[in-house]
Each structure stands twice: as C-alpha cells, then as structure tokens.
C-alpha cells in the first residue's frame, strides 16, 4: 500500500486539496459569522446557530461553485456561471424596490406579465401589490432617515444626528433595531388585507426592455406566488438576460477580456443586472457593442448584430445613445468584411435607431389612456427649452457647472459602491472600484496588437462626448434652470465610459510594463479576481441592509 511519505505527497492528492479548500471555506464562514455577531451585536437579533449556519453554507456553496466552474473549459461559459451565481446573491441581498425607479419598473413589468401591452391609468393592481409598495417605499434608507438633536453619550450634551446612509437604526442602546426586516413583516401582515388605496399603472410607457422580467413574473404567477415572489422572479428573469448578453459579448471577441470581466462583475453592474430596471439589459448591450468594435474582422453578421443592439439601446434610453450608431466607422478598412461600406451601415444604423425611438414614442402616445396631466419631471422649476437656451447663452458657466458636479462626485469613479437611490454608500466598495479598474487595465495590457490609433482616438472622443451628453441630458431634463449643480446623475451612467478608459489605458501600460502574461492567462486570472469582487459586493450589500452598521440615536 503506497502512502505519501511527506506533506507534499499528501497535498498532491486531489481529494486532500479539495478537503482543505472546503475546510478553509467552512472556517471562513464561521469566522465571518463570529465577526458579525460581535461587531454588530447580531446575537441579540438572530440565534448564533442560524447566523453561523448561513455564513458557513454560503462560503461552502461559493467554494463548491468555484470547483465546478473550473471544470468548464471555455471562459465565456465559466464567466456566465459566475455572473449568474453572483447576480442571484444580489437579487436577494437587495431589498424590494430599492434599485433606482424600481417601483415604476416593477409595476410596468407586472402589467406586461399580465398581457397588458397598452397603458391605462384606470387599471389597478392586486391588493398584495399595494401592500408591497406600502411596506417598501422607494429609497428605503432615505424614506426612513431622521434628523434631529440627541445626546452625546460621553458628555451628555445635545448633539445633532443624521441617520442618512444607514439602513438600520436604534433609538437608545436598549431599543429595538429598526430595519428592512420590519418592512418584510409589514408586508406579510398586510398582503391579504384589502388595500386602503388602489395602485394605478405608472408613468412608464416602455414594453420591450421589460420583457425578460415579465416572463419571470408570469412563471412565478403560474406557480402561485404573490407580489413579493413575482418581484424576485422578475429580477431573476432580468439576470438571465444580463448574463446571456455578457456571455455573448465575451464570445464575440477574445480581446481585452479582463476589462470586460471587470465591468461585468462590478458590484454596481450586478446590482442593476439583478434588478427590475431596464439597465439590466442596457448595460450588457453597451458591453456587447464595445466587444463587437474590438473584433479583428467585421462580417455582415457582425454588422447586423450591432445594428440590432444599437436599436434596442435607443428604445431603452433614446437620443443619447444615437452616438453609438456612428462607431462602426472606427473599424479599420482592412478589417471590414461586411457587404456594403462602413458609412452605409452607419447610415442604416442611425436610421434604424431613430425609427426605433419614434416607434416607441408613438406607441407610448397611441396606447396611453385615462392618464391625468403628467407633471414635468423635476417640478415646475425644470424647463428643458429654457435650460438649453441658458446653456447656449452661458457656455463658460455651463462648463464650470459640469466640472464642479464631476468634482463634487469624485468624477463618479469614487462612487462605484453607492447603491440604492444614491442613498447607501459602502465605503469599501468605493475604494475597491478604482483599484479593480486599474487591475483590469494591467491584466489587459498583455493584449497584442493594441487598439490602433484610429480606434483608440475614436473611442476616446466617443467617451468624452457620451459622458458630456449624459451630464447635459440630466441638466436639461431634470435640473432647475440655471442651477449650479447637475441633479440626478448616477455612477451607472458612466460604466461604459469606465470600460473605454480601461481599454485606452491598457496599451499605455503595456509600453511601460512590458508584461509577460499571455492574453489567455490574463483572462483566466481576471475571472476569479473580479468574480470575488462581485461576491464580496453582494455580501456587503446584504450586510448593510440586514446586519449592520447600526446607527444608535442617543435620546
């Protein structure tokens, strides 16, 4: 009987390595639970055995998933499984209706799942839907924020307090912790009771971007699930669409895959991908179009796919996305294999996008009925034409306003850990986001050949135009006239810009670092790095909503 004569021999056995790996995951889960129990006083709210079992099970599940994913050979397939698993954690870590505008998106998706493809304000929803909206107001952290005067625990003097950014609050050291769990309790207590106020269809007139979530809701209803079950099923439907589009993007080009993996697994991307927002399909469509633009050869099939995706993004978010229609001009003439010329495809692309916009807007008007007067977004102080006139009349002031807004928001690259309706910052993720973008650029530096001057310059100009367009759009349509700050900007608008910046930085880093990594090796290293980043993001989101930190108000 052969027995290993050394520790090295024992570790050479796959079964031993697997046991050690799973044992380490189990120990990490136990340690993690212990930290929660001690630091956030979790024992007072949840039995120790329950928190320990939950953390251990998640760590073991993540370890088992890592082992199984390693058995898959193709990188897109491995990335797809990881995206699906990390996204599923975000789906349940994020409380109901906390993604930007998710209340309206939920109601529109629910209506489509019932087969309602028109828009009628007089139609209402079941009572359990009203109970869900009542229990989970949009932007939970903001809705339950309080400001006032408390007592300094050390000096006893009056001290102002502000609970903004804290999902969990406690009045006094011995008071009950109030949080999202109370909203779940409220929903289950009221879901079978008659609604006091009927919920009407929202001011949202899109159909196509909400179809994946509507399919999930329809299946949930067939299984007898109520409003809350439909919400999670809709999120999972969107997550499947997000994952499928990301996998398609990775399959379209083997170039610069670490950059794409970084943005796809960015916690903010997964947060949106596992929600009811149309960003669940919009963001991966951006990644897909950029992947197509990096292909070494463009065939007729490639050009046709780009046209279809560009039309879709203009349905979901019109006008600003028209600039994507022109990007096929960046494809080198030597790489063009499609029937027809580049400018002809760009013209067809632009015409298709404009047609999609006007068709969507026309359907929204024709199929709309019984709606009262729809107030201007942002209130009476907002007037798009007056704001545009002000911009043209005061260009230097506009530049200062835009620059100041970017500066005050850390150029949004420092807000990659800001979740909810701009109300739940997770500082660790704000710190990790720029570092991971830098790591993606370093890993992408192994790619040869580079982008080429034509494509690099074109993408750089596009990134600047797109970013300025996003800022200008919010300034014109959402900000009071002449205000010195732009209202409504969010980091998710700039995710494709960050991807382009990583792509542009990679060739510069290659010249400086001369990396020895091959592109395939770099992509294999990138997947676990960025997948772990996404996993940690889901855990920290759950922690901030359900575990701690707790803001204690000294009365």
Foldseek 3Di string as FASTA:
>chain_A
DDDDPDPVSVCVDPVSVLVVLLVVLLVVLQVVLVCLCPVQVCCVPDPSVVSSVVSSVVSNVVSVLVVVLVPDDDLLVSLLSLLLVLLLLLLVLDDPQQFVVQLLLLLLLQCVLVVPLFFEQPDFDAQLNLQLCVLCPANQLVVPWDWDWFADPPPRDIDIDISFQFQWAAADPPGDIDHSVVSVVSSVVRNPPGHPDTHTRDPDQADVLQVQLSVQLNVQVVVVDDSVSSQQSSLSSLSNLLSVLLSLLCVLALALLLLSLQLCLLQLLSNVLSGSASSVNLVSLLSSLVSLLQDQAAEQVSLVVNLVSLLVNCSRPNDLSLVSLLLLVLHDPVRYHYPDDSVVSSVVSSVSNVVSNVVSVVSNVVSYDDDDDDAAAQHPLADQVLQVVVCVVCVVLVVQLVVVQCVVCVVLQLQSQQGGQSTHHDNVSSVVSVVSLVLSLQLSLQDPPASDPSNLVVLVVVLVSSVVSVQSVQSRRHNGHPDSYRPDDHSSSNSSSSSSVSSNSSPVVCVVPVDPDHSVRSSVVSSVVSSVNSNVSSVVSSCSRPRDDYHYGHD
